[in-house]
């Protein structure tokens, strides 16, 4: 599998986790909606390297590549169930955690 497909797969997994987290938050009312927005803004700030308030395709891909590398604990170029189940996605806890 090419590295681009691996990055896209990792991005899909990360976005799916984010969607699940957002869905769980949304069920708790307006306060949870505000918390979800705060998490989204934190994630945007992590990706937005040029600090223009937007995330370009290149910034997004760079972030996903960095996340893939961080989550790939055994550095074999693939993410497995164990690595993903241990994963903490940056931007949701306010700090970089999990993995190495």
PDB file of N, CA and C in Angstrom:
ATOM      1  N   UNK A   1       0.855  -1.164   0.000  1.00  0.00           N
ATOM      2  CA  UNK A   1       0.000   0.000   0.000  1.00  0.00           C
ATOM      3  C   UNK A   1       0.904   1.231   0.000  1.00  0.00           C
ATOM      4  N   UNK A   2       0.599   2.225  -0.804  1.00  0.00           N
ATOM      5  CA  UNK A   2       1.445   3.409  -0.888  1.00  0.00           C
ATOM      6  C   UNK A   2       1.303   4.254   0.363  1.00  0.00           C
ATOM      7  N   UNK A   3       2.293   5.107   0.603  1.00  0.00           N
ATOM      8  CA  UNK A   3       2.258   5.962   1.797  1.00  0.00           C
ATOM      9  C   UNK A   3       1.088   6.926   1.741  1.00  0.00           C
ATOM     10  N   UNK A   4       0.672   7.359   0.540  1.00  0.00           N
ATOM     11  CA  UNK A   4      -0.475   8.259   0.433  1.00  0.00           C
ATOM     12  C   UNK A   4      -1.751   7.571   0.894  1.00  0.00           C
ATOM     13  N   UNK A   5      -1.926   6.313   0.506  1.00  0.00           N
ATOM     14  CA  UNK A   5      -3.109   5.569   0.943  1.00  0.00           C
ATOM     15  C   UNK A   5      -3.081   5.339   2.446  1.00  0.00           C
ATOM     16  N   UNK A   6      -1.893   5.110   2.984  1.00  0.00           N
ATOM     17  CA  UNK A   6      -1.770   4.923   4.428  1.00  0.00           C
ATOM     18  C   UNK A   6      -2.139   6.206   5.166  1.00  0.00           C
ATOM     19  N   UNK A   7      -1.691   7.338   4.652  1.00  0.00           N
ATOM     20  CA  UNK A   7      -2.016   8.624   5.276  1.00  0.00           C
ATOM     21  C   UNK A   7      -3.510   8.881   5.187  1.00  0.00           C
ATOM     22  N   UNK A   8      -4.086   8.602   4.045  1.00  0.00           N
ATOM     23  CA  UNK A   8      -5.529   8.795   3.878  1.00  0.00           C
ATOM     24  C   UNK A   8      -6.293   7.875   4.826  1.00  0.00           C
ATOM     25  N   UNK A   9      -5.826   6.652   4.967  1.00  0.00           N
ATOM     26  CA  UNK A   9      -6.454   5.718   5.905  1.00  0.00           C
ATOM     27  C   UNK A   9      -6.357   6.205   7.336  1.00  0.00           C
ATOM     28  N   UNK A  10      -5.178   6.714   7.700  1.00  0.00           N
ATOM     29  CA  UNK A  10      -5.002   7.257   9.054  1.00  0.00           C
ATOM     30  C   UNK A  10      -5.894   8.474   9.252  1.00  0.00           C
ATOM     31  N   UNK A  11      -5.972   9.321   8.233  1.00  0.00           N
ATOM     32  CA  UNK A  11      -6.825  10.508   8.322  1.00  0.00           C
ATOM     33  C   UNK A  11      -8.278  10.096   8.504  1.00  0.00           C
ATOM     34  N   UNK A  12      -8.701   9.087   7.771  1.00  0.00           N
ATOM     35  CA  UNK A  12     -10.078   8.621   7.891  1.00  0.00           C
ATOM     36  C   UNK A  12     -10.341   8.086   9.288  1.00  0.00           C
ATOM     37  N   UNK A  13      -9.380   7.346   9.833  1.00  0.00           N
ATOM     38  CA  UNK A  13      -9.542   6.809  11.191  1.00  0.00           C
ATOM     39  C   UNK A  13      -9.606   7.936  12.212  1.00  0.00           C
ATOM     40  N   UNK A  14      -8.728   8.923  12.061  1.00  0.00           N
ATOM     41  CA  UNK A  14      -8.709  10.060  12.992  1.00  0.00           C
ATOM     42  C   UNK A  14     -10.001  10.850  12.886  1.00  0.00           C
ATOM     43  N   UNK A  15     -10.443  11.103  11.663  1.00  0.00           N
ATOM     44  CA  UNK A  15     -11.683  11.856  11.491  1.00  0.00           C
ATOM     45  C   UNK A  15     -12.887  11.070  11.997  1.00  0.00           C
ATOM     46  N   UNK A  16     -12.866   9.755  11.836  1.00  0.00           N
ATOM     47  CA  UNK A  16     -13.964   8.936  12.363  1.00  0.00           C
ATOM     48  C   UNK A  16     -14.001   9.009  13.883  1.00  0.00           C
ATOM     49  N   UNK A  17     -12.820   8.963  14.515  1.00  0.00           N
ATOM     50  CA  UNK A  17     -12.760   9.093  15.971  1.00  0.00           C
ATOM     51  C   UNK A  17     -13.263  10.467  16.402  1.00  0.00           C
ATOM     52  N   UNK A  18     -12.866  11.485  15.652  1.00  0.00           N
ATOM     53  CA  UNK A  18     -13.321  12.845  15.963  1.00  0.00           C
ATOM     54  C   UNK A  18     -14.832  12.954  15.818  1.00  0.00           C
ATOM     55  N   UNK A  19     -15.372  12.332  14.777  1.00  0.00           N
ATOM     56  CA  UNK A  19     -16.822  12.370  14.565  1.00  0.00           C
ATOM     57  C   UNK A  19     -17.551  11.665  15.699  1.00  0.00           C
ATOM     58  N   UNK A  20     -17.019  10.525  16.134  1.00  0.00           N
ATOM     59  CA  UNK A  20     -17.636   9.811  17.252  1.00  0.00           C
ATOM     60  C   UNK A  20     -17.565  10.647  18.524  1.00  0.00           C
ATOM     61  N   UNK A  21     -16.433  11.285  18.748  1.00  0.00           N
ATOM     62  CA  UNK A  21     -16.301  12.138  19.930  1.00  0.00           C
ATOM     63  C   UNK A  21     -17.269  13.311  19.837  1.00  0.00           C
ATOM     64  N   UNK A  22     -17.377  13.891  18.652  1.00  0.00           N
ATOM     65  CA  UNK A  22     -18.306  15.006  18.454  1.00  0.00           C
ATOM     66  C   UNK A  22     -19.746  14.591  18.637  1.00  0.00           C
ATOM     67  N   UNK A  23     -20.107  13.391  18.166  1.00  0.00           N
ATOM     68  CA  UNK A  23     -21.468  12.888  18.328  1.00  0.00           C
ATOM     69  C   UNK A  23     -21.794  12.685  19.799  1.00  0.00           C
ATOM     70  N   UNK A  24     -20.841  12.119  20.532  1.00  0.00           N
ATOM     71  CA  UNK A  24     -21.061  11.904  21.965  1.00  0.00           C
ATOM     72  C   UNK A  24     -21.206  13.233  22.686  1.00  0.00           C
ATOM     73  N   UNK A  25     -20.404  14.209  22.306  1.00  0.00           N
ATOM     74  CA  UNK A  25     -20.486  15.528  22.930  1.00  0.00           C
ATOM     75  C   UNK A  25     -21.807  16.211  22.610  1.00  0.00           C
ATOM     76  N   UNK A  26     -22.258  16.095  21.374  1.00  0.00           N
ATOM     77  CA  UNK A  26     -23.472  16.788  20.945  1.00  0.00           C
ATOM     78  C   UNK A  26     -24.701  16.301  21.695  1.00  0.00           C
ATOM     79  N   UNK A  27     -24.678  15.086  22.162  1.00  0.00           N
ATOM     80  CA  UNK A  27     -25.822  14.533  22.881  1.00  0.00           C
ATOM     81  C   UNK A  27     -26.021  15.186  24.234  1.00  0.00           C
ATOM     82  N   UNK A  28     -25.043  15.908  24.721  1.00  0.00           N
ATOM     83  CA  UNK A  28     -25.097  16.492  26.063  1.00  0.00           C
ATOM     84  C   UNK A  28     -25.585  17.930  26.113  1.00  0.00           C
ATOM     85  N   UNK A  29     -26.030  18.531  25.031  1.00  0.00           N
ATOM     86  CA  UNK A  29     -26.601  19.879  25.028  1.00  0.00           C
ATOM     87  C   UNK A  29     -25.674  20.927  24.448  1.00  0.00           C
ATOM     88  N   UNK A  30     -26.114  22.184  24.600  1.00  0.00           N
ATOM     89  CA  UNK A  30     -25.360  23.316  24.053  1.00  0.00           C
ATOM     90  C   UNK A  30     -23.970  23.424  24.667  1.00  0.00           C
ATOM     91  N   UNK A  31     -23.850  23.084  25.923  1.00  0.00           N
ATOM     92  CA  UNK A  31     -22.540  23.144  26.581  1.00  0.00           C
ATOM     93  C   UNK A  31     -21.568  22.195  25.885  1.00  0.00           C
ATOM     94  N   UNK A  32     -22.060  21.034  25.520  1.00  0.00           N
ATOM     95  CA  UNK A  32     -21.227  20.073  24.815  1.00  0.00           C
ATOM     96  C   UNK A  32     -20.880  20.558  23.411  1.00  0.00           C
ATOM     97  N   UNK A  33     -21.816  21.253  22.777  1.00  0.00           N
ATOM     98  CA  UNK A  33     -21.543  21.819  21.464  1.00  0.00           C
ATOM     99  C   UNK A  33     -20.402  22.824  21.554  1.00  0.00           C
ATOM    100  N   UNK A  34     -20.435  23.656  22.584  1.00  0.00           N
ATOM    101  CA  UNK A  34     -19.359  24.627  22.789  1.00  0.00           C
ATOM    102  C   UNK A  34     -18.031  23.911  23.025  1.00  0.00           C
ATOM    103  N   UNK A  35     -18.068  22.817  23.776  1.00  0.00           N
ATOM    104  CA  UNK A  35     -16.845  22.046  24.021  1.00  0.00           C
ATOM    105  C   UNK A  35     -16.322  21.448  22.721  1.00  0.00           C
ATOM    106  N   UNK A  36     -17.239  20.962  21.859  1.00  0.00           N
ATOM    107  CA  UNK A  36     -16.827  20.423  20.561  1.00  0.00           C
ATOM    108  C   UNK A  36     -16.179  21.475  19.687  1.00  0.00           C
ATOM    109  N   UNK A  37     -16.738  22.687  19.716  1.00  0.00           N
ATOM    110  CA  UNK A  37     -16.138  23.787  18.951  1.00  0.00           C
ATOM    111  C   UNK A  37     -14.756  24.113  19.478  1.00  0.00           C
ATOM    112  N   UNK A  38     -14.595  24.087  20.788  1.00  0.00           N
ATOM    113  CA  UNK A  38     -13.284  24.360  21.379  1.00  0.00           C
ATOM    114  C   UNK A  38     -12.267  23.314  20.924  1.00  0.00           C
ATOM    115  N   UNK A  39     -12.683  22.052  20.876  1.00  0.00           N
ATOM    116  CA  UNK A  39     -11.782  20.988  20.403  1.00  0.00           C
ATOM    117  C   UNK A  39     -11.434  21.194  18.931  1.00  0.00           C
ATOM    118  N   UNK A  40     -12.416  21.565  18.123  1.00  0.00           N
ATOM    119  CA  UNK A  40     -12.169  21.797  16.695  1.00  0.00           C
ATOM    120  C   UNK A  40     -11.194  22.946  16.499  1.00  0.00           C
ATOM    121  N   UNK A  41     -11.368  24.017  17.290  1.00  0.00           N
ATOM    122  CA  UNK A  41     -10.447  25.159  17.191  1.00  0.00           C
ATOM    123  C   UNK A  41      -9.035  24.762  17.604  1.00  0.00           C
ATOM    124  N   UNK A  42      -8.924  23.935  18.640  1.00  0.00           N
ATOM    125  CA  UNK A  42      -7.616  23.473  19.090  1.00  0.00           C
ATOM    126  C   UNK A  42      -6.952  22.641  17.993  1.00  0.00           C
ATOM    127  N   UNK A  43      -7.733  21.787  17.354  1.00  0.00           N
ATOM    128  CA  UNK A  43      -7.206  20.967  16.267  1.00  0.00           C
ATOM    129  C   UNK A  43      -6.779  21.845  15.095  1.00  0.00           C
ATOM    130  N   UNK A  44      -7.582  22.853  14.768  1.00  0.00           N
ATOM    131  CA  UNK A  44      -7.232  23.773  13.694  1.00  0.00           C
ATOM    132  C   UNK A  44      -5.914  24.476  14.013  1.00  0.00           C
ATOM    133  N   UNK A  45      -5.755  24.907  15.256  1.00  0.00           N
ATOM    134  CA  UNK A  45      -4.520  25.599  15.633  1.00  0.00           C
ATOM    135  C   UNK A  45      -3.304  24.684  15.516  1.00  0.00           C
ATOM    136  N   UNK A  46      -3.486  23.400  15.786  1.00  0.00           N
ATOM    137  CA  UNK A  46      -2.382  22.450  15.636  1.00  0.00           C
ATOM    138  C   UNK A  46      -1.973  22.297  14.172  1.00  0.00           C
ATOM    139  N   UNK A  47      -2.953  22.312  13.278  1.00  0.00           N
ATOM    140  CA  UNK A  47      -2.681  22.109  11.853  1.00  0.00           C
ATOM    141  C   UNK A  47      -2.243  23.377  11.144  1.00  0.00           C
ATOM    142  N   UNK A  48      -2.721  24.529  11.584  1.00  0.00           N
ATOM    143  CA  UNK A  48      -2.530  25.806  10.895  1.00  0.00           C
ATOM    144  C   UNK A  48      -1.133  26.372  11.152  1.00  0.00           C
ATOM    145  N   UNK A  49      -0.159  25.869  10.423  1.00  0.00           N
ATOM    146  CA  UNK A  49       1.242  26.268  10.637  1.00  0.00           C
ATOM    147  C   UNK A  49       1.521  27.712  10.268  1.00  0.00           C
ATOM    148  N   UNK A  50       0.818  28.275   9.278  1.00  0.00           N
ATOM    149  CA  UNK A  50       1.080  29.668   8.905  1.00  0.00           C
ATOM    150  C   UNK A  50       0.190  30.650   9.671  1.00  0.00           C
ATOM    151  N   UNK A  51      -0.636  30.127  10.582  1.00  0.00           N
ATOM    152  CA  UNK A  51      -1.463  30.926  11.496  1.00  0.00           C
ATOM    153  C   UNK A  51      -2.371  31.918  10.778  1.00  0.00           C
ATOM    154  N   UNK A  52      -2.971  31.493   9.660  1.00  0.00           N
ATOM    155  CA  UNK A  52      -3.896  32.376   8.933  1.00  0.00           C
ATOM    156  C   UNK A  52      -5.357  32.063   9.257  1.00  0.00           C
ATOM    157  N   UNK A  53      -5.587  31.150  10.209  1.00  0.00           N
ATOM    158  CA  UNK A  53      -6.939  30.808  10.605  1.00  0.00           C
ATOM    159  C   UNK A  53      -7.615  29.770   9.726  1.00  0.00           C
ATOM    160  N   UNK A  54      -6.877  29.234   8.769  1.00  0.00           N
ATOM    161  CA  UNK A  54      -7.402  28.219   7.854  1.00  0.00           C
ATOM    162  C   UNK A  54      -6.374  27.114   7.710  1.00  0.00           C
ATOM    163  N   UNK A  55      -6.853  25.950   7.304  1.00  0.00           N
ATOM    164  CA  UNK A  55      -5.958  24.811   7.093  1.00  0.00           C
ATOM    165  C   UNK A  55      -5.932  24.481   5.610  1.00  0.00           C
ATOM    166  N   UNK A  56      -4.763  24.627   5.018  1.00  0.00           N
ATOM    167  CA  UNK A  56      -4.604  24.288   3.599  1.00  0.00           C
ATOM    168  C   UNK A  56      -4.498  22.770   3.456  1.00  0.00           C
ATOM    169  N   UNK A  57      -4.649  22.311   2.228  1.00  0.00           N
ATOM    170  CA  UNK A  57      -4.486  20.879   1.949  1.00  0.00           C
ATOM    171  C   UNK A  57      -3.106  20.416   2.416  1.00  0.00           C
ATOM    172  N   UNK A  58      -2.072  21.212   2.136  1.00  0.00           N
ATOM    173  CA  UNK A  58      -0.712  20.820   2.511  1.00  0.00           C
ATOM    174  C   UNK A  58      -0.551  20.764   4.030  1.00  0.00           C
ATOM    175  N   UNK A  59      -1.116  21.746   4.739  1.00  0.00           N
ATOM    176  CA  UNK A  59      -1.051  21.725   6.204  1.00  0.00           C
ATOM    177  C   UNK A  59      -1.766  20.489   6.748  1.00  0.00           C
ATOM    178  N   UNK A  60      -2.923  20.175   6.179  1.00  0.00           N
ATOM    179  CA  UNK A  60      -3.688  19.012   6.607  1.00  0.00           C
ATOM    180  C   UNK A  60      -2.887  17.732   6.373  1.00  0.00           C
ATOM    181  N   UNK A  61      -2.324  17.595   5.170  1.00  0.00           N
ATOM    182  CA  UNK A  61      -1.563  16.392   4.842  1.00  0.00           C
ATOM    183  C   UNK A  61      -0.308  16.276   5.709  1.00  0.00           C
ATOM    184  N   UNK A  62       0.361  17.399   5.972  1.00  0.00           N
ATOM    185  CA  UNK A  62       1.538  17.370   6.842  1.00  0.00           C
ATOM    186  C   UNK A  62       1.157  16.904   8.249  1.00  0.00           C
ATOM    187  N   UNK A  63       0.043  17.440   8.754  1.00  0.00           N
ATOM    188  CA  UNK A  63      -0.430  17.053  10.082  1.00  0.00           C
ATOM    189  C   UNK A  63      -0.753  15.568  10.123  1.00  0.00           C
ATOM    190  N   UNK A  64      -1.467  15.083   9.113  1.00  0.00           N
ATOM    191  CA  UNK A  64      -1.842  13.675   9.086  1.00  0.00           C
ATOM    192  C   UNK A  64      -0.605  12.779   8.987  1.00  0.00           C
ATOM    193  N   UNK A  65       0.373  13.207   8.218  1.00  0.00           N
ATOM    194  CA  UNK A  65       1.604  12.436   8.102  1.00  0.00           C
ATOM    195  C   UNK A  65       2.328  12.377   9.446  1.00  0.00           C
ATOM    196  N   UNK A  66       2.405  13.515  10.133  1.00  0.00           N
ATOM    197  CA  UNK A  66       3.027  13.558  11.455  1.00  0.00           C
ATOM    198  C   UNK A  66       2.258  12.684  12.445  1.00  0.00           C
ATOM    199  N   UNK A  67       0.925  12.741  12.398  1.00  0.00           N
ATOM    200  CA  UNK A  67       0.102  11.924  13.289  1.00  0.00           C
ATOM    201  C   UNK A  67       0.313  10.444  13.000  1.00  0.00           C
ATOM    202  N   UNK A  68       0.343  10.084  11.719  1.00  0.00           N
ATOM    203  CA  UNK A  68       0.573   8.686  11.362  1.00  0.00           C
ATOM    204  C   UNK A  68       1.897   8.222  11.957  1.00  0.00           C
ATOM    205  N   UNK A  69       2.937   9.007  11.758  1.00  0.00           N
ATOM    206  CA  UNK A  69       4.256   8.631  12.263  1.00  0.00           C
ATOM    207  C   UNK A  69       4.251   8.527  13.782  1.00  0.00           C
ATOM    208  N   UNK A  70       3.531   9.418  14.453  1.00  0.00           N
ATOM    209  CA  UNK A  70       3.460   9.392  15.907  1.00  0.00           C
ATOM    210  C   UNK A  70       2.685   8.163  16.394  1.00  0.00           C
ATOM    211  N   UNK A  71       1.606   7.825  15.700  1.00  0.00           N
ATOM    212  CA  UNK A  71       0.782   6.691  16.109  1.00  0.00           C
ATOM    213  C   UNK A  71       1.416   5.339  15.769  1.00  0.00           C
ATOM    214  N   UNK A  72       2.305   5.318  14.775  1.00  0.00           N
ATOM    215  CA  UNK A  72       2.977   4.084  14.346  1.00  0.00           C
ATOM    216  C   UNK A  72       4.075   3.749  15.356  1.00  0.00           C
ATOM    217  N   UNK A  73       3.664   3.214  16.497  1.00  0.00           N
ATOM    218  CA  UNK A  73       4.563   2.993  17.632  1.00  0.00           C
ATOM    219  C   UNK A  73       5.742   2.104  17.263  1.00  0.00           C
ATOM    220  N   UNK A  74       5.501   1.033  16.525  1.00  0.00           N
ATOM    221  CA  UNK A  74       6.593   0.116  16.187  1.00  0.00           C
ATOM    222  C   UNK A  74       7.332   0.505  14.905  1.00  0.00           C
ATOM    223  N   UNK A  75       6.946   1.614  14.310  1.00  0.00           N
ATOM    224  CA  UNK A  75       7.630   2.187  13.135  1.00  0.00           C
ATOM    225  C   UNK A  75       7.735   1.210  11.964  1.00  0.00           C
ATOM    226  N   UNK A  76       6.648   0.428  11.747  1.00  0.00           N
ATOM    227  CA  UNK A  76       6.660  -0.508  10.622  1.00  0.00           C
ATOM    228  C   UNK A  76       5.946   0.054   9.390  1.00  0.00           C
ATOM    229  N   UNK A  77       5.513   1.306   9.463  1.00  0.00           N
ATOM    230  CA  UNK A  77       4.850   1.927   8.321  1.00  0.00           C
ATOM    231  C   UNK A  77       3.385   1.561   8.186  1.00  0.00           C
ATOM    232  N   UNK A  78       2.824   0.897   9.202  1.00  0.00           N
ATOM    233  CA  UNK A  78       1.415   0.513   9.195  1.00  0.00           C
ATOM    234  C   UNK A  78       0.833   0.725  10.587  1.00  0.00           C
ATOM    235  N   UNK A  79      -0.456   1.075  10.647  1.00  0.00           N
ATOM    236  CA  UNK A  79      -1.146   1.187  11.923  1.00  0.00           C
ATOM    237  C   UNK A  79      -1.992  -0.061  12.116  1.00  0.00           C
ATOM    238  N   UNK A  80      -1.849  -0.666  13.278  1.00  0.00           N
ATOM    239  CA  UNK A  80      -2.666  -1.838  13.571  1.00  0.00           C
ATOM    240  C   UNK A  80      -3.675  -1.503  14.670  1.00  0.00           C
ATOM    241  N   UNK A  81      -4.510  -2.457  14.986  1.00  0.00           N
ATOM    242  CA  UNK A  81      -5.567  -2.247  15.976  1.00  0.00           C
ATOM    243  C   UNK A  81      -4.971  -1.832  17.316  1.00  0.00           C
ATOM    244  N   UNK A  82      -3.898  -2.458  17.709  1.00  0.00           N
ATOM    245  CA  UNK A  82      -3.258  -2.145  18.984  1.00  0.00           C
ATOM    246  C   UNK A  82      -2.803  -0.685  19.029  1.00  0.00           C
ATOM    247  N   UNK A  83      -2.146  -0.240  17.965  1.00  0.00           N
ATOM    248  CA  UNK A  83      -1.663   1.142  17.920  1.00  0.00           C
ATOM    249  C   UNK A  83      -2.823   2.134  17.939  1.00  0.00           C
ATOM    250  N   UNK A  84      -3.869   1.841  17.178  1.00  0.00           N
ATOM    251  CA  UNK A  84      -5.011   2.753  17.136  1.00  0.00           C
ATOM    252  C   UNK A  84      -5.802   2.741  18.434  1.00  0.00           C
ATOM    253  N   UNK A  85      -5.879   1.598  19.094  1.00  0.00           N
ATOM    254  CA  UNK A  85      -6.640   1.543  20.345  1.00  0.00           C
ATOM    255  C   UNK A  85      -5.912   2.266  21.468  1.00  0.00           C
ATOM    256  N   UNK A  86      -4.600   2.414  21.368  1.00  0.00           N
ATOM    257  CA  UNK A  86      -3.821   3.151  22.357  1.00  0.00           C
ATOM    258  C   UNK A  86      -3.749   4.638  22.040  1.00  0.00           C
ATOM    259  N   UNK A  87      -4.233   5.008  20.869  1.00  0.00           N
ATOM    260  CA  UNK A  87      -4.052   6.366  20.363  1.00  0.00           C
ATOM    261  C   UNK A  87      -4.861   7.385  21.140  1.00  0.00           C
ATOM    262  N   UNK A  88      -4.242   8.501  21.378  1.00  0.00           N
ATOM    263  CA  UNK A  88      -4.900   9.708  21.851  1.00  0.00           C
ATOM    264  C   UNK A  88      -4.681  10.718  20.737  1.00  0.00           C
ATOM    265  N   UNK A  89      -5.745  11.237  20.185  1.00  0.00           N
ATOM    266  CA  UNK A  89      -5.631  12.159  19.068  1.00  0.00           C
ATOM    267  C   UNK A  89      -5.360  13.553  19.602  1.00  0.00           C
ATOM    268  N   UNK A  90      -4.300  14.170  19.096  1.00  0.00           N
ATOM    269  CA  UNK A  90      -3.986  15.534  19.510  1.00  0.00           C
ATOM    270  C   UNK A  90      -5.159  16.441  19.180  1.00  0.00           C
ATOM    271  N   UNK A  91      -5.380  17.435  20.019  1.00  0.00           N
ATOM    272  CA  UNK A  91      -6.449  18.382  19.788  1.00  0.00           C
ATOM    273  C   UNK A  91      -7.694  18.080  20.598  1.00  0.00           C
ATOM    274  N   UNK A  92      -7.820  16.852  21.104  1.00  0.00           N
ATOM    275  CA  UNK A  92      -9.002  16.505  21.890  1.00  0.00           C
ATOM    276  C   UNK A  92      -8.728  16.539  23.377  1.00  0.00           C
ATOM    277  N   UNK A  93      -7.483  16.388  23.777  1.00  0.00           N
ATOM    278  CA  UNK A  93      -7.163  16.489  25.182  1.00  0.00           C
ATOM    279  C   UNK A  93      -6.437  17.790  25.482  1.00  0.00           C
ATOM    280  N   UNK A  94      -6.111  18.547  24.432  1.00  0.00           N
ATOM    281  CA  UNK A  94      -5.394  19.804  24.619  1.00  0.00           C
ATOM    282  C   UNK A  94      -3.900  19.641  24.606  1.00  0.00           C
ATOM    283  N   UNK A  95      -3.430  18.404  24.522  1.00  0.00           N
ATOM    284  CA  UNK A  95      -1.992  18.173  24.487  1.00  0.00           C
ATOM    285  C   UNK A  95      -1.719  16.917  23.687  1.00  0.00           C
ATOM    286  N   UNK A  96      -0.496  16.736  23.308  1.00  0.00           N
ATOM    287  CA  UNK A  96      -0.080  15.556  22.573  1.00  0.00           C
ATOM    288  C   UNK A  96       0.149  14.444  23.573  1.00  0.00           C
ATOM    289  N   UNK A  97      -0.640  13.346  23.428  1.00  0.00           N
ATOM    290  CA  UNK A  97      -0.493  12.220  24.324  1.00  0.00           C
ATOM    291  C   UNK A  97      -0.588  10.928  23.556  1.00  0.00           C
ATOM    292  N   UNK A  98      -0.327   9.841  24.218  1.00  0.00           N
ATOM    293  CA  UNK A  98      -0.422   8.533  23.579  1.00  0.00           C
ATOM    294  C   UNK A  98       0.733   8.308  22.639  1.00  0.00           C
ATOM    295  N   UNK A  99       0.883   7.082  22.190  1.00  0.00           N
ATOM    296  CA  UNK A  99       1.971   6.769  21.254  1.00  0.00           C
ATOM    297  C   UNK A  99       3.299   7.156  21.842  1.00  0.00           C
ATOM    298  N   UNK A 100       4.228   7.615  21.004  1.00  0.00           N
ATOM    299  CA  UNK A 100       5.534   8.078  21.466  1.00  0.00           C
ATOM    300  C   UNK A 100       5.679   9.520  21.179  1.00  0.00           C
TER     301      UNK A 100
END
